[in-house]
Amino acid sequence: MEPDFVPRRRLRSGHAQTIVGNFLRRTNTLPPPEERLIPVDDGVSLLCHCHWQPARQDCLTLILVHGLEGSSRSGYVLGTAARAWARGWNVVRMNVRGCGGSEQYSSTLYHSGLSQDVERLTASLIASDGLRRVAIAGFSMGGNQVLRAMGRWGQQAPPQVVAAAAVSPACDLSISSDRIHAAAFGIYEQWFMLSLRASYRRKSQMHPHFDVNLLRGVHSVRGFDDKITARYMGFAGAEDYYNKASSSHVLDHIARPTLVIHAEDDPFIILSPDTRRKLLANPYVRFLMTAHGGHCAFISDAGNGDDGRWAERKIVEFLTMVEQANP
């Protein structure tokens, strides 16, 4: 266990951390972004919010990827981005295809295994902006995409990609889907299903080939993935999707410094024993497993000018260490 994280008083449980972490208000201290649409596939462009330092080519650029039904405006994205900006880095807040009000820019749905979007976005930014050093960080679903991209690249990762980080990554999609469906964690599944249903209805209004009638009888994340995600994204069913999209298969191929943070009391993301073994065995990976922290929360006591967002601080500290080793 990582002894450095101490949960905030009255927020010791994973449920308390997760719920309060999601609703605790933040102040957005970032400057106005450049909005940019970046093509990554046929009929698909990603809406990105870019914050550039005056000498962008000389700075580290941090690309941030949100979680399921999140966006570039998710709290953990804004919080990490603000820390990175204050550190003097460029920041690119990526919306996963169709998220963040960008449904019109994607003719497909999104899913947890779309690491190729992260790979193509990274390559596009390096080429268009002459970026010399890039780091990529993701949360939950975005963490899975980032780790999958790093594993797929392996030793062939672009030389400009110097590091990565993942918080509460959904590396093992099947067992995590089963966990969120368990009665004790049903509140989270209900929350996600409300959002997934609303997102799919908006999508079907813009792209009529998505059949809204498929939502009938779908009451679980696994059911949604089995009837809708798999149907439209080329999988045989939910289990086929989970197996092919999970980053757990490629973690041992990661070949750039990578930080992975996971809490034992995460209410709905589970890392299998084999996944933990791969993370611990890979010399490029720093795996911080805490007893507490919930899902993408890790709220400690605030003080000395810090807001108590431990995982976000750890990302910036880790990337600072990598940056100093690769000036």
C-alpha atoms as a PDB file:
ATOM      1  CA  MET A   1       0.000   0.000   0.000  1.00  0.00           C
ATOM      2  CA  GLU A   2       1.077   3.585  -0.662  1.00  0.00           C
ATOM      3  CA  PRO A   3       1.434   5.301   2.758  1.00  0.00           C
ATOM      4  CA  ASP A   4       1.494   8.817   1.325  1.00  0.00           C
ATOM      5  CA  PHE A   5      -2.282   9.156   0.883  1.00  0.00           C
ATOM      6  CA  VAL A   6      -4.351  10.005   3.972  1.00  0.00           C
ATOM      7  CA  PRO A   7      -8.082  10.507   3.269  1.00  0.00           C
ATOM      8  CA  ARG A   8      -9.758  13.701   4.392  1.00  0.00           C
ATOM      9  CA  ARG A   9     -11.555  13.494   7.737  1.00  0.00           C
ATOM     10  CA  ARG A  10     -15.098  12.113   7.352  1.00  0.00           C
ATOM     11  CA  LEU A  11     -14.208  10.880   3.855  1.00  0.00           C
ATOM     12  CA  ARG A  12     -12.542   7.621   4.724  1.00  0.00           C
ATOM     13  CA  SER A  13     -14.831   5.237   2.799  1.00  0.00           C
ATOM     14  CA  GLY A  14     -14.616   4.666  -0.923  1.00  0.00           C
ATOM     15  CA  HIS A  15     -18.256   5.669  -1.344  1.00  0.00           C
ATOM     16  CA  ALA A  16     -17.752   8.974   0.467  1.00  0.00           C
ATOM     17  CA  GLN A  17     -14.608   9.738  -1.506  1.00  0.00           C
ATOM     18  CA  THR A  18     -16.253   8.913  -4.844  1.00  0.00           C
ATOM     19  CA  ILE A  19     -19.498  10.806  -4.292  1.00  0.00           C
ATOM     20  CA  VAL A  20     -18.005  13.895  -2.668  1.00  0.00           C
ATOM     21  CA  GLY A  21     -15.149  13.907  -5.174  1.00  0.00           C
ATOM     22  CA  ASN A  22     -17.673  14.044  -8.012  1.00  0.00           C
ATOM     23  CA  PHE A  23     -19.750  16.892  -6.585  1.00  0.00           C
ATOM     24  CA  LEU A  24     -17.167  18.974  -4.704  1.00  0.00           C
ATOM     25  CA  ARG A  25     -17.075  22.306  -6.521  1.00  0.00           C
ATOM     26  CA  ARG A  26     -13.945  23.648  -8.130  1.00  0.00           C
ATOM     27  CA  THR A  27     -12.824  26.997  -9.446  1.00  0.00           C
ATOM     28  CA  ASN A  28     -11.612  26.888 -13.049  1.00  0.00           C
ATOM     29  CA  THR A  29      -8.349  28.835 -13.069  1.00  0.00           C
ATOM     30  CA  LEU A  30      -7.402  28.016 -16.668  1.00  0.00           C
ATOM     31  CA  PRO A  31      -7.179  30.731 -19.326  1.00  0.00           C
ATOM     32  CA  PRO A  32      -9.657  30.596 -22.239  1.00  0.00           C
ATOM     33  CA  PRO A  33      -8.785  27.651 -24.505  1.00  0.00           C
ATOM     34  CA  GLU A  34      -8.312  27.317 -28.218  1.00  0.00           C
ATOM     35  CA  GLU A  35     -11.053  24.983 -29.470  1.00  0.00           C
ATOM     36  CA  ARG A  36      -9.763  22.595 -32.072  1.00  0.00           C
ATOM     37  CA  LEU A  37     -11.389  19.793 -34.069  1.00  0.00           C
ATOM     38  CA  ILE A  38      -8.887  17.056 -34.857  1.00  0.00           C
ATOM     39  CA  PRO A  39      -9.832  14.281 -37.334  1.00  0.00           C
ATOM     40  CA  VAL A  40      -8.950  10.784 -36.091  1.00  0.00           C
ATOM     41  CA  ASP A  41     -11.122   8.484 -38.216  1.00  0.00           C
ATOM     42  CA  ASP A  42     -13.609   8.514 -41.092  1.00  0.00           C
ATOM     43  CA  GLY A  43     -16.450  10.792 -39.999  1.00  0.00           C
ATOM     44  CA  VAL A  44     -14.874  11.335 -36.574  1.00  0.00           C
ATOM     45  CA  SER A  45     -13.195  14.446 -35.197  1.00  0.00           C
ATOM     46  CA  LEU A  46     -12.287  15.046 -31.577  1.00  0.00           C
ATOM     47  CA  LEU A  47     -13.188  18.339 -29.932  1.00  0.00           C
ATOM     48  CA  CYS A  48     -10.178  19.458 -27.906  1.00  0.00           C
ATOM     49  CA  HIS A  49      -9.664  22.428 -25.621  1.00  0.00           C
ATOM     50  CA  CYS A  50      -6.048  23.539 -25.915  1.00  0.00           C
ATOM     51  CA  HIS A  51      -4.111  25.834 -23.589  1.00  0.00           C
ATOM     52  CA  TRP A  52      -0.783  26.893 -25.085  1.00  0.00           C
ATOM     53  CA  GLN A  53       2.144  28.497 -23.307  1.00  0.00           C
ATOM     54  CA  PRO A  54       3.904  31.281 -25.301  1.00  0.00           C
ATOM     55  CA  ALA A  55       6.697  28.933 -26.400  1.00  0.00           C
ATOM     56  CA  ARG A  56       4.629  25.803 -26.899  1.00  0.00           C
ATOM     57  CA  GLN A  57       7.340  23.758 -28.625  1.00  0.00           C
ATOM     58  CA  ASP A  58       9.686  24.152 -25.666  1.00  0.00           C
ATOM     59  CA  CYS A  59       7.121  23.031 -23.067  1.00  0.00           C
ATOM     60  CA  LEU A  60       5.874  19.650 -22.023  1.00  0.00           C
ATOM     61  CA  THR A  61       2.366  19.105 -23.411  1.00  0.00           C
ATOM     62  CA  LEU A  62      -0.071  17.164 -21.227  1.00  0.00           C
ATOM     63  CA  ILE A  63      -3.011  15.494 -23.015  1.00  0.00           C
ATOM     64  CA  LEU A  64      -5.887  14.641 -20.655  1.00  0.00           C
ATOM     65  CA  VAL A  65      -8.538  11.974 -21.328  1.00  0.00           C
ATOM     66  CA  HIS A  66     -11.752  11.793 -19.274  1.00  0.00           C
ATOM     67  CA  GLY A  67     -13.841   8.851 -18.114  1.00  0.00           C
ATOM     68  CA  LEU A  68     -17.183   7.282 -19.056  1.00  0.00           C
ATOM     69  CA  GLU A  69     -19.797   9.962 -19.797  1.00  0.00           C
ATOM     70  CA  GLY A  70     -17.340  12.657 -18.755  1.00  0.00           C
ATOM     71  CA  SER A  71     -15.892  15.465 -20.837  1.00  0.00           C
ATOM     72  CA  SER A  72     -13.077  17.962 -21.058  1.00  0.00           C
ATOM     73  CA  ARG A  73     -14.977  19.857 -18.352  1.00  0.00           C
ATOM     74  CA  SER A  74     -14.895  17.013 -15.807  1.00  0.00           C
ATOM     75  CA  GLY A  75     -13.580  18.187 -12.463  1.00  0.00           C
ATOM     76  CA  TYR A  76     -10.531  15.942 -12.345  1.00  0.00           C
ATOM     77  CA  VAL A  77      -9.600  17.063 -15.874  1.00  0.00           C
ATOM     78  CA  LEU A  78      -9.867  20.757 -14.991  1.00  0.00           C
ATOM     79  CA  GLY A  79      -8.012  20.255 -11.712  1.00  0.00           C
ATOM     80  CA  THR A  80      -5.109  18.390 -13.282  1.00  0.00           C
ATOM     81  CA  ALA A  81      -5.020  20.834 -16.190  1.00  0.00           C
ATOM     82  CA  ALA A  82      -4.792  23.812 -13.816  1.00  0.00           C
ATOM     83  CA  ARG A  83      -1.857  22.263 -11.965  1.00  0.00           C
ATOM     84  CA  ALA A  84      -0.095  21.486 -15.246  1.00  0.00           C
ATOM     85  CA  TRP A  85      -0.707  24.992 -16.585  1.00  0.00           C
ATOM     86  CA  ALA A  86       0.673  26.536 -13.384  1.00  0.00           C
ATOM     87  CA  ARG A  87       3.724  24.301 -13.816  1.00  0.00           C
ATOM     88  CA  GLY A  88       4.326  25.998 -17.180  1.00  0.00           C
ATOM     89  CA  TRP A  89       3.098  23.187 -19.439  1.00  0.00           C
ATOM     90  CA  ASN A  90       0.762  23.149 -22.414  1.00  0.00           C
ATOM     91  CA  VAL A  91      -2.527  21.365 -21.768  1.00  0.00           C
ATOM     92  CA  VAL A  92      -4.871  19.649 -24.239  1.00  0.00           C
ATOM     93  CA  ARG A  93      -8.210  18.561 -22.782  1.00  0.00           C
ATOM     94  CA  MET A  94      -9.541  15.913 -25.136  1.00  0.00           C
ATOM     95  CA  ASN A  95     -13.208  14.995 -25.484  1.00  0.00           C
ATOM     96  CA  VAL A  96     -13.628  11.320 -26.283  1.00  0.00           C
ATOM     97  CA  ARG A  97     -15.494  10.999 -29.606  1.00  0.00           C
ATOM     98  CA  GLY A  98     -19.052  12.299 -29.248  1.00  0.00           C
ATOM     99  CA  CYS A  99     -18.605  13.541 -25.666  1.00  0.00           C
ATOM    100  CA  GLY A 100     -18.709  17.058 -24.282  1.00  0.00           C
ATOM    101  CA  GLY A 101     -21.439  18.186 -26.677  1.00  0.00           C
ATOM    102  CA  SER A 102     -19.523  16.968 -29.733  1.00  0.00           C
ATOM    103  CA  GLU A 103     -22.025  14.365 -30.979  1.00  0.00           C
ATOM    104  CA  GLN A 104     -22.246  16.075 -34.366  1.00  0.00           C
ATOM    105  CA  TYR A 105     -18.538  15.515 -34.981  1.00  0.00           C
ATOM    106  CA  SER A 106     -18.689  11.717 -34.657  1.00  0.00           C
ATOM    107  CA  SER A 107     -20.759   9.339 -36.764  1.00  0.00           C
ATOM    108  CA  THR A 108     -19.981   6.477 -34.355  1.00  0.00           C
ATOM    109  CA  LEU A 109     -20.365   5.745 -30.670  1.00  0.00           C
ATOM    110  CA  TYR A 110     -17.386   5.667 -28.325  1.00  0.00           C
ATOM    111  CA  HIS A 111     -16.101   2.839 -26.175  1.00  0.00           C
ATOM    112  CA  SER A 112     -13.388   2.100 -23.638  1.00  0.00           C
ATOM    113  CA  GLY A 113     -10.974   0.521 -26.087  1.00  0.00           C
ATOM    114  CA  LEU A 114     -10.588   3.432 -28.510  1.00  0.00           C
ATOM    115  CA  SER A 115      -6.923   3.909 -27.750  1.00  0.00           C
ATOM    116  CA  GLN A 116      -6.320   4.566 -31.438  1.00  0.00           C
ATOM    117  CA  ASP A 117      -8.055   7.933 -30.976  1.00  0.00           C
ATOM    118  CA  VAL A 118      -5.485   8.832 -28.316  1.00  0.00           C
ATOM    119  CA  GLU A 119      -2.674   7.601 -30.562  1.00  0.00           C
ATOM    120  CA  ARG A 120      -3.877   9.540 -33.615  1.00  0.00           C
ATOM    121  CA  LEU A 121      -4.569  12.708 -31.642  1.00  0.00           C
ATOM    122  CA  THR A 122      -1.077  12.570 -30.161  1.00  0.00           C
ATOM    123  CA  ALA A 123       0.515  12.062 -33.575  1.00  0.00           C
ATOM    124  CA  SER A 124      -1.552  14.890 -35.059  1.00  0.00           C
ATOM    125  CA  LEU A 125      -0.551  17.381 -32.355  1.00  0.00           C
ATOM    126  CA  ILE A 126       3.121  16.440 -32.605  1.00  0.00           C
ATOM    127  CA  ALA A 127       3.021  16.991 -36.371  1.00  0.00           C
ATOM    128  CA  SER A 128       0.920  20.169 -36.470  1.00  0.00           C
ATOM    129  CA  ASP A 129       2.467  21.998 -33.524  1.00  0.00           C
ATOM    130  CA  GLY A 130       6.026  20.689 -33.523  1.00  0.00           C
ATOM    131  CA  LEU A 131       5.693  19.359 -29.976  1.00  0.00           C
ATOM    132  CA  ARG A 132       8.922  17.938 -28.590  1.00  0.00           C
ATOM    133  CA  ARG A 133       7.700  16.400 -25.325  1.00  0.00           C
ATOM    134  CA  VAL A 134       4.252  14.951 -24.716  1.00  0.00           C
ATOM    135  CA  ALA A 135       2.692  13.183 -21.738  1.00  0.00           C
ATOM    136  CA  ILE A 136      -0.744  11.576 -21.687  1.00  0.00           C
ATOM    137  CA  ALA A 137      -2.956  11.084 -18.625  1.00  0.00           C
ATOM    138  CA  GLY A 138      -6.365   9.432 -18.357  1.00  0.00           C
ATOM    139  CA  PHE A 139      -9.018   8.770 -15.740  1.00  0.00           C
ATOM    140  CA  SER A 140     -11.133   5.609 -15.428  1.00  0.00           C
ATOM    141  CA  MET A 141     -12.200   4.773 -19.016  1.00  0.00           C
ATOM    142  CA  GLY A 142      -9.679   7.341 -20.234  1.00  0.00           C
ATOM    143  CA  GLY A 143      -7.050   5.642 -18.099  1.00  0.00           C
ATOM    144  CA  ASN A 144      -7.755   2.374 -19.893  1.00  0.00           C
ATOM    145  CA  GLN A 145      -7.424   4.103 -23.261  1.00  0.00           C
ATOM    146  CA  VAL A 146      -4.124   5.711 -22.276  1.00  0.00           C
ATOM    147  CA  LEU A 147      -2.619   2.486 -20.921  1.00  0.00           C
ATOM    148  CA  ARG A 148      -3.834   0.572 -23.961  1.00  0.00           C
ATOM    149  CA  ALA A 149      -2.212   3.156 -26.246  1.00  0.00           C
ATOM    150  CA  MET A 150       1.066   2.950 -24.340  1.00  0.00           C
ATOM    151  CA  GLY A 151       0.972  -0.853 -24.432  1.00  0.00           C
ATOM    152  CA  ARG A 152       0.106  -0.999 -28.129  1.00  0.00           C
ATOM    153  CA  TRP A 153       2.949   1.386 -28.915  1.00  0.00           C
ATOM    154  CA  GLY A 154       5.426  -0.446 -26.685  1.00  0.00           C
ATOM    155  CA  GLN A 155       8.999   0.288 -27.676  1.00  0.00           C
ATOM    156  CA  GLN A 156       7.693   1.947 -30.873  1.00  0.00           C
ATOM    157  CA  ALA A 157       6.026   4.838 -29.029  1.00  0.00           C
ATOM    158  CA  PRO A 158       6.732   8.208 -30.685  1.00  0.00           C
ATOM    159  CA  PRO A 159      10.003   9.571 -29.284  1.00  0.00           C
ATOM    160  CA  GLN A 160       8.164  12.738 -28.243  1.00  0.00           C
ATOM    161  CA  VAL A 161       5.950  10.728 -25.854  1.00  0.00           C
ATOM    162  CA  VAL A 162       7.949  10.777 -22.643  1.00  0.00           C
ATOM    163  CA  ALA A 163       5.455   9.574 -20.019  1.00  0.00           C
ATOM    164  CA  ALA A 164       1.887   8.625 -19.145  1.00  0.00           C
ATOM    165  CA  ALA A 165      -0.380   8.419 -16.111  1.00  0.00           C
ATOM    166  CA  ALA A 166      -3.683   6.701 -15.291  1.00  0.00           C
ATOM    167  CA  VAL A 167      -5.974   7.204 -12.287  1.00  0.00           C
ATOM    168  CA  SER A 168      -8.509   4.496 -11.414  1.00  0.00           C
ATOM    169  CA  PRO A 169      -8.035   2.886 -14.843  1.00  0.00           C
ATOM    170  CA  ALA A 170     -10.673   0.422 -16.059  1.00  0.00           C
ATOM    171  CA  CYS A 171      -8.090  -2.165 -17.139  1.00  0.00           C
ATOM    172  CA  ASP A 172     -10.359  -5.176 -16.572  1.00  0.00           C
ATOM    173  CA  LEU A 173     -13.701  -4.219 -18.069  1.00  0.00           C
ATOM    174  CA  SER A 174     -15.622  -7.459 -17.544  1.00  0.00           C
ATOM    175  CA  ILE A 175     -15.099  -7.878 -13.816  1.00  0.00           C
ATOM    176  CA  SER A 176     -15.649  -4.167 -13.249  1.00  0.00           C
ATOM    177  CA  SER A 177     -18.929  -4.365 -15.201  1.00  0.00           C
ATOM    178  CA  ASP A 178     -20.019  -7.196 -12.916  1.00  0.00           C
ATOM    179  CA  ARG A 179     -19.005  -5.228  -9.819  1.00  0.00           C
ATOM    180  CA  ILE A 180     -21.005  -2.116 -10.729  1.00  0.00           C
ATOM    181  CA  HIS A 181     -24.072  -4.301 -11.317  1.00  0.00           C
ATOM    182  CA  ALA A 182     -23.900  -5.754  -7.801  1.00  0.00           C
ATOM    183  CA  ALA A 183     -26.684  -4.499  -5.519  1.00  0.00           C
ATOM    184  CA  ALA A 184     -24.295  -2.704  -3.154  1.00  0.00           C
ATOM    185  CA  PHE A 185     -23.044  -0.531  -5.994  1.00  0.00           C
ATOM    186  CA  GLY A 186     -26.291  -0.090  -7.934  1.00  0.00           C
ATOM    187  CA  ILE A 187     -26.407   3.665  -7.365  1.00  0.00           C
ATOM    188  CA  TYR A 188     -23.375   4.082  -9.638  1.00  0.00           C
ATOM    189  CA  GLU A 189     -24.841   1.929 -12.384  1.00  0.00           C
ATOM    190  CA  GLN A 190     -28.112   3.868 -12.227  1.00  0.00           C
ATOM    191  CA  TRP A 191     -26.172   7.131 -12.538  1.00  0.00           C
ATOM    192  CA  PHE A 192     -24.242   5.925 -15.566  1.00  0.00           C
ATOM    193  CA  MET A 193     -27.359   4.440 -17.191  1.00  0.00           C
ATOM    194  CA  LEU A 194     -29.257   7.729 -16.919  1.00  0.00           C
ATOM    195  CA  SER A 195     -26.392   9.469 -18.684  1.00  0.00           C
ATOM    196  CA  LEU A 196     -25.803   6.728 -21.268  1.00  0.00           C
ATOM    197  CA  ARG A 197     -29.480   6.650 -22.194  1.00  0.00           C
ATOM    198  CA  ALA A 198     -29.654  10.425 -22.597  1.00  0.00           C
ATOM    199  CA  SER A 199     -26.440  10.475 -24.650  1.00  0.00           C
ATOM    200  CA  TYR A 200     -27.675   7.700 -26.935  1.00  0.00           C
ATOM    201  CA  ARG A 201     -30.998   9.472 -27.511  1.00  0.00           C
ATOM    202  CA  ARG A 202     -29.174  12.677 -28.490  1.00  0.00           C
ATOM    203  CA  LYS A 203     -26.958  10.652 -30.783  1.00  0.00           C
ATOM    204  CA  SER A 204     -29.936   8.993 -32.478  1.00  0.00           C
ATOM    205  CA  GLN A 205     -31.532  12.382 -33.139  1.00  0.00           C
ATOM    206  CA  MET A 206     -28.422  13.559 -34.998  1.00  0.00           C
ATOM    207  CA  HIS A 207     -27.633  10.201 -36.602  1.00  0.00           C
ATOM    208  CA  PRO A 208     -30.911   8.314 -37.258  1.00  0.00           C
ATOM    209  CA  HIS A 209     -29.153   5.022 -38.035  1.00  0.00           C
ATOM    210  CA  PHE A 210     -28.802   4.559 -34.261  1.00  0.00           C
ATOM    211  CA  ASP A 211     -32.011   2.764 -33.252  1.00  0.00           C
ATOM    212  CA  VAL A 212     -33.389   4.319 -30.071  1.00  0.00           C
ATOM    213  CA  ASN A 213     -35.714   1.316 -29.629  1.00  0.00           C
ATOM    214  CA  LEU A 214     -32.678  -0.733 -28.612  1.00  0.00           C
ATOM    215  CA  LEU A 215     -32.822   0.987 -25.228  1.00  0.00           C
ATOM    216  CA  ARG A 216     -35.936  -0.996 -24.327  1.00  0.00           C
ATOM    217  CA  GLY A 217     -35.174  -3.533 -21.668  1.00  0.00           C
ATOM    218  CA  VAL A 218     -31.614  -2.251 -21.128  1.00  0.00           C
ATOM    219  CA  HIS A 219     -31.092  -1.654 -17.412  1.00  0.00           C
ATOM    220  CA  SER A 220     -27.389  -2.315 -16.899  1.00  0.00           C
ATOM    221  CA  VAL A 221     -24.051  -1.178 -18.270  1.00  0.00           C
ATOM    222  CA  ARG A 222     -23.378  -4.710 -19.502  1.00  0.00           C
ATOM    223  CA  GLY A 223     -26.785  -4.767 -21.179  1.00  0.00           C
ATOM    224  CA  PHE A 224     -26.088  -1.441 -22.894  1.00  0.00           C
ATOM    225  CA  ASP A 225     -22.742  -2.701 -24.108  1.00  0.00           C
ATOM    226  CA  ASP A 226     -24.223  -6.005 -25.269  1.00  0.00           C
ATOM    227  CA  LYS A 227     -27.165  -4.562 -27.217  1.00  0.00           C
ATOM    228  CA  ILE A 228     -25.781  -1.208 -28.359  1.00  0.00           C
ATOM    229  CA  THR A 229     -22.012  -0.741 -28.030  1.00  0.00           C
ATOM    230  CA  ALA A 230     -21.210  -4.167 -29.465  1.00  0.00           C
ATOM    231  CA  ARG A 231     -23.799  -3.856 -32.244  1.00  0.00           C
ATOM    232  CA  TYR A 232     -22.498  -0.561 -33.592  1.00  0.00           C
ATOM    233  CA  MET A 233     -18.790  -0.889 -32.802  1.00  0.00           C
ATOM    234  CA  GLY A 234     -18.072  -4.281 -34.355  1.00  0.00           C
ATOM    235  CA  PHE A 235     -18.065  -6.676 -31.395  1.00  0.00           C
ATOM    236  CA  ALA A 236     -19.851 -10.009 -31.039  1.00  0.00           C
ATOM    237  CA  GLY A 237     -21.295  -8.976 -27.674  1.00  0.00           C
ATOM    238  CA  ALA A 238     -20.412  -7.338 -24.379  1.00  0.00           C
ATOM    239  CA  GLU A 239     -17.911  -9.998 -23.328  1.00  0.00           C
ATOM    240  CA  ASP A 240     -16.137  -9.858 -26.684  1.00  0.00           C
ATOM    241  CA  TYR A 241     -15.953  -6.073 -26.356  1.00  0.00           C
ATOM    242  CA  TYR A 242     -14.649  -6.202 -22.785  1.00  0.00           C
ATOM    243  CA  ASN A 243     -11.991  -8.739 -23.680  1.00  0.00           C
ATOM    244  CA  LYS A 244     -10.711  -6.862 -26.724  1.00  0.00           C
ATOM    245  CA  ALA A 245     -10.895  -3.381 -25.199  1.00  0.00           C
ATOM    246  CA  SER A 246      -9.216  -4.043 -21.830  1.00  0.00           C
ATOM    247  CA  SER A 247      -5.702  -2.660 -21.474  1.00  0.00           C
ATOM    248  CA  SER A 248      -4.782  -5.537 -19.141  1.00  0.00           C
ATOM    249  CA  HIS A 249      -3.570  -7.531 -22.166  1.00  0.00           C
ATOM    250  CA  VAL A 250      -0.822  -5.045 -23.077  1.00  0.00           C
ATOM    251  CA  LEU A 251       0.367  -3.633 -19.744  1.00  0.00           C
ATOM    252  CA  ASP A 252       3.595  -5.617 -19.893  1.00  0.00           C
ATOM    253  CA  HIS A 253       4.468  -3.903 -23.202  1.00  0.00           C
ATOM    254  CA  ILE A 254       4.466  -0.352 -21.780  1.00  0.00           C
ATOM    255  CA  ALA A 255       7.928   1.104 -22.398  1.00  0.00           C
ATOM    256  CA  ARG A 256       7.747   4.719 -21.181  1.00  0.00           C
ATOM    257  CA  PRO A 257       7.622   5.947 -17.564  1.00  0.00           C
ATOM    258  CA  THR A 258       4.007   5.486 -16.495  1.00  0.00           C
ATOM    259  CA  LEU A 259       2.205   6.242 -13.233  1.00  0.00           C
ATOM    260  CA  VAL A 260      -0.835   4.146 -12.278  1.00  0.00           C
ATOM    261  CA  ILE A 261      -2.946   5.033  -9.232  1.00  0.00           C
ATOM    262  CA  HIS A 262      -5.686   2.744  -7.905  1.00  0.00           C
ATOM    263  CA  ALA A 263      -7.590   2.547  -4.602  1.00  0.00           C
ATOM    264  CA  GLU A 264      -8.537  -0.761  -2.993  1.00  0.00           C
ATOM    265  CA  ASP A 265     -11.887   0.756  -1.969  1.00  0.00           C
ATOM    266  CA  ASP A 266     -12.804   1.889  -5.491  1.00  0.00           C
ATOM    267  CA  PRO A 267     -16.532   1.042  -5.561  1.00  0.00           C
ATOM    268  CA  PHE A 268     -16.684  -0.275  -9.122  1.00  0.00           C
ATOM    269  CA  ILE A 269     -13.274  -0.584 -10.761  1.00  0.00           C
ATOM    270  CA  ILE A 270     -11.403  -3.798  -9.974  1.00  0.00           C
ATOM    271  CA  LEU A 271      -7.885  -4.725 -11.021  1.00  0.00           C
ATOM    272  CA  SER A 272      -7.436  -8.476 -11.304  1.00  0.00           C
ATOM    273  CA  PRO A 273      -4.488 -10.204  -9.597  1.00  0.00           C
ATOM    274  CA  ASP A 274      -2.897 -10.765 -13.015  1.00  0.00           C
ATOM    275  CA  THR A 275      -3.229  -7.072 -13.895  1.00  0.00           C
ATOM    276  CA  ARG A 276      -1.631  -6.053 -10.617  1.00  0.00           C
ATOM    277  CA  ARG A 277       1.187  -8.505 -11.233  1.00  0.00           C
ATOM    278  CA  LYS A 278       1.857  -7.021 -14.674  1.00  0.00           C
ATOM    279  CA  LEU A 279       1.869  -3.478 -13.304  1.00  0.00           C
ATOM    280  CA  LEU A 280       4.242  -4.389 -10.476  1.00  0.00           C
ATOM    281  CA  ALA A 281       6.552  -6.376 -12.756  1.00  0.00           C
ATOM    282  CA  ASN A 282       6.950  -3.698 -15.453  1.00  0.00           C
ATOM    283  CA  PRO A 283      10.050  -1.581 -14.637  1.00  0.00           C
ATOM    284  CA  TYR A 284       8.584   1.384 -16.532  1.00  0.00           C
ATOM    285  CA  VAL A 285       5.459   1.481 -14.331  1.00  0.00           C
ATOM    286  CA  ARG A 286       5.123   3.105 -10.945  1.00  0.00           C
ATOM    287  CA  PHE A 287       2.036   1.484  -9.424  1.00  0.00           C
ATOM    288  CA  LEU A 288       0.570   3.305  -6.413  1.00  0.00           C
ATOM    289  CA  MET A 289      -2.148   1.265  -4.736  1.00  0.00           C
ATOM    290  CA  THR A 290      -3.819   2.926  -1.757  1.00  0.00           C
ATOM    291  CA  ALA A 291      -6.205   1.522   0.824  1.00  0.00           C
ATOM    292  CA  HIS A 292      -8.557   4.493   0.419  1.00  0.00           C
ATOM    293  CA  GLY A 293      -9.391   7.032  -2.273  1.00  0.00           C
ATOM    294  CA  GLY A 294     -12.522   5.779  -4.007  1.00  0.00           C
ATOM    295  CA  HIS A 295     -12.897   6.272  -7.747  1.00  0.00           C
ATOM    296  CA  CYS A 296     -10.948   9.168  -9.301  1.00  0.00           C
ATOM    297  CA  ALA A 297     -11.242  11.040  -5.989  1.00  0.00           C
ATOM    298  CA  PHE A 298      -8.273  10.688  -3.577  1.00  0.00           C
ATOM    299  CA  ILE A 299      -9.312  13.669  -1.468  1.00  0.00           C
ATOM    300  CA  SER A 300      -6.927  14.460   1.383  1.00  0.00           C
ATOM    301  CA  ASP A 301      -6.915  17.401   3.770  1.00  0.00           C
ATOM    302  CA  ALA A 302      -6.321  20.730   2.059  1.00  0.00           C
ATOM    303  CA  GLY A 303      -3.656  23.135   3.249  1.00  0.00           C
ATOM    304  CA  ASN A 304      -0.579  25.136   2.345  1.00  0.00           C
ATOM    305  CA  GLY A 305      -2.220  26.313  -0.870  1.00  0.00           C
ATOM    306  CA  ASP A 306      -3.139  22.769  -1.961  1.00  0.00           C
ATOM    307  CA  ASP A 307      -6.768  21.725  -2.506  1.00  0.00           C
ATOM    308  CA  GLY A 308      -6.211  18.182  -1.281  1.00  0.00           C
ATOM    309  CA  ARG A 309      -6.553  16.448  -4.662  1.00  0.00           C
ATOM    310  CA  TRP A 310      -3.797  13.941  -4.024  1.00  0.00           C
ATOM    311  CA  ALA A 311      -3.897  11.958  -7.300  1.00  0.00           C
ATOM    312  CA  GLU A 312      -3.825  15.108  -9.430  1.00  0.00           C
ATOM    313  CA  ARG A 313      -0.832  16.355  -7.467  1.00  0.00           C
ATOM    314  CA  LYS A 314       0.880  12.986  -7.888  1.00  0.00           C
ATOM    315  CA  ILE A 315       0.468  13.149 -11.666  1.00  0.00           C
ATOM    316  CA  VAL A 316       2.182  16.528 -11.866  1.00  0.00           C
ATOM    317  CA  GLU A 317       4.928  15.479  -9.444  1.00  0.00           C
ATOM    318  CA  PHE A 318       5.601  12.313 -11.453  1.00  0.00           C
ATOM    319  CA  LEU A 319       5.692  14.154 -14.780  1.00  0.00           C
ATOM    320  CA  THR A 320       7.932  16.829 -13.280  1.00  0.00           C
ATOM    321  CA  MET A 321      10.376  14.109 -12.262  1.00  0.00           C
ATOM    322  CA  VAL A 322      10.299  12.658 -15.795  1.00  0.00           C
ATOM    323  CA  GLU A 323      10.686  16.134 -17.322  1.00  0.00           C
ATOM    324  CA  GLN A 324      13.730  16.890 -15.181  1.00  0.00           C
ATOM    325  CA  ALA A 325      15.288  13.591 -16.240  1.00  0.00           C
ATOM    326  CA  ASN A 326      14.627  14.433 -19.900  1.00  0.00           C
ATOM    327  CA  PRO A 327      15.310  18.191 -20.242  1.00  0.00           C
END
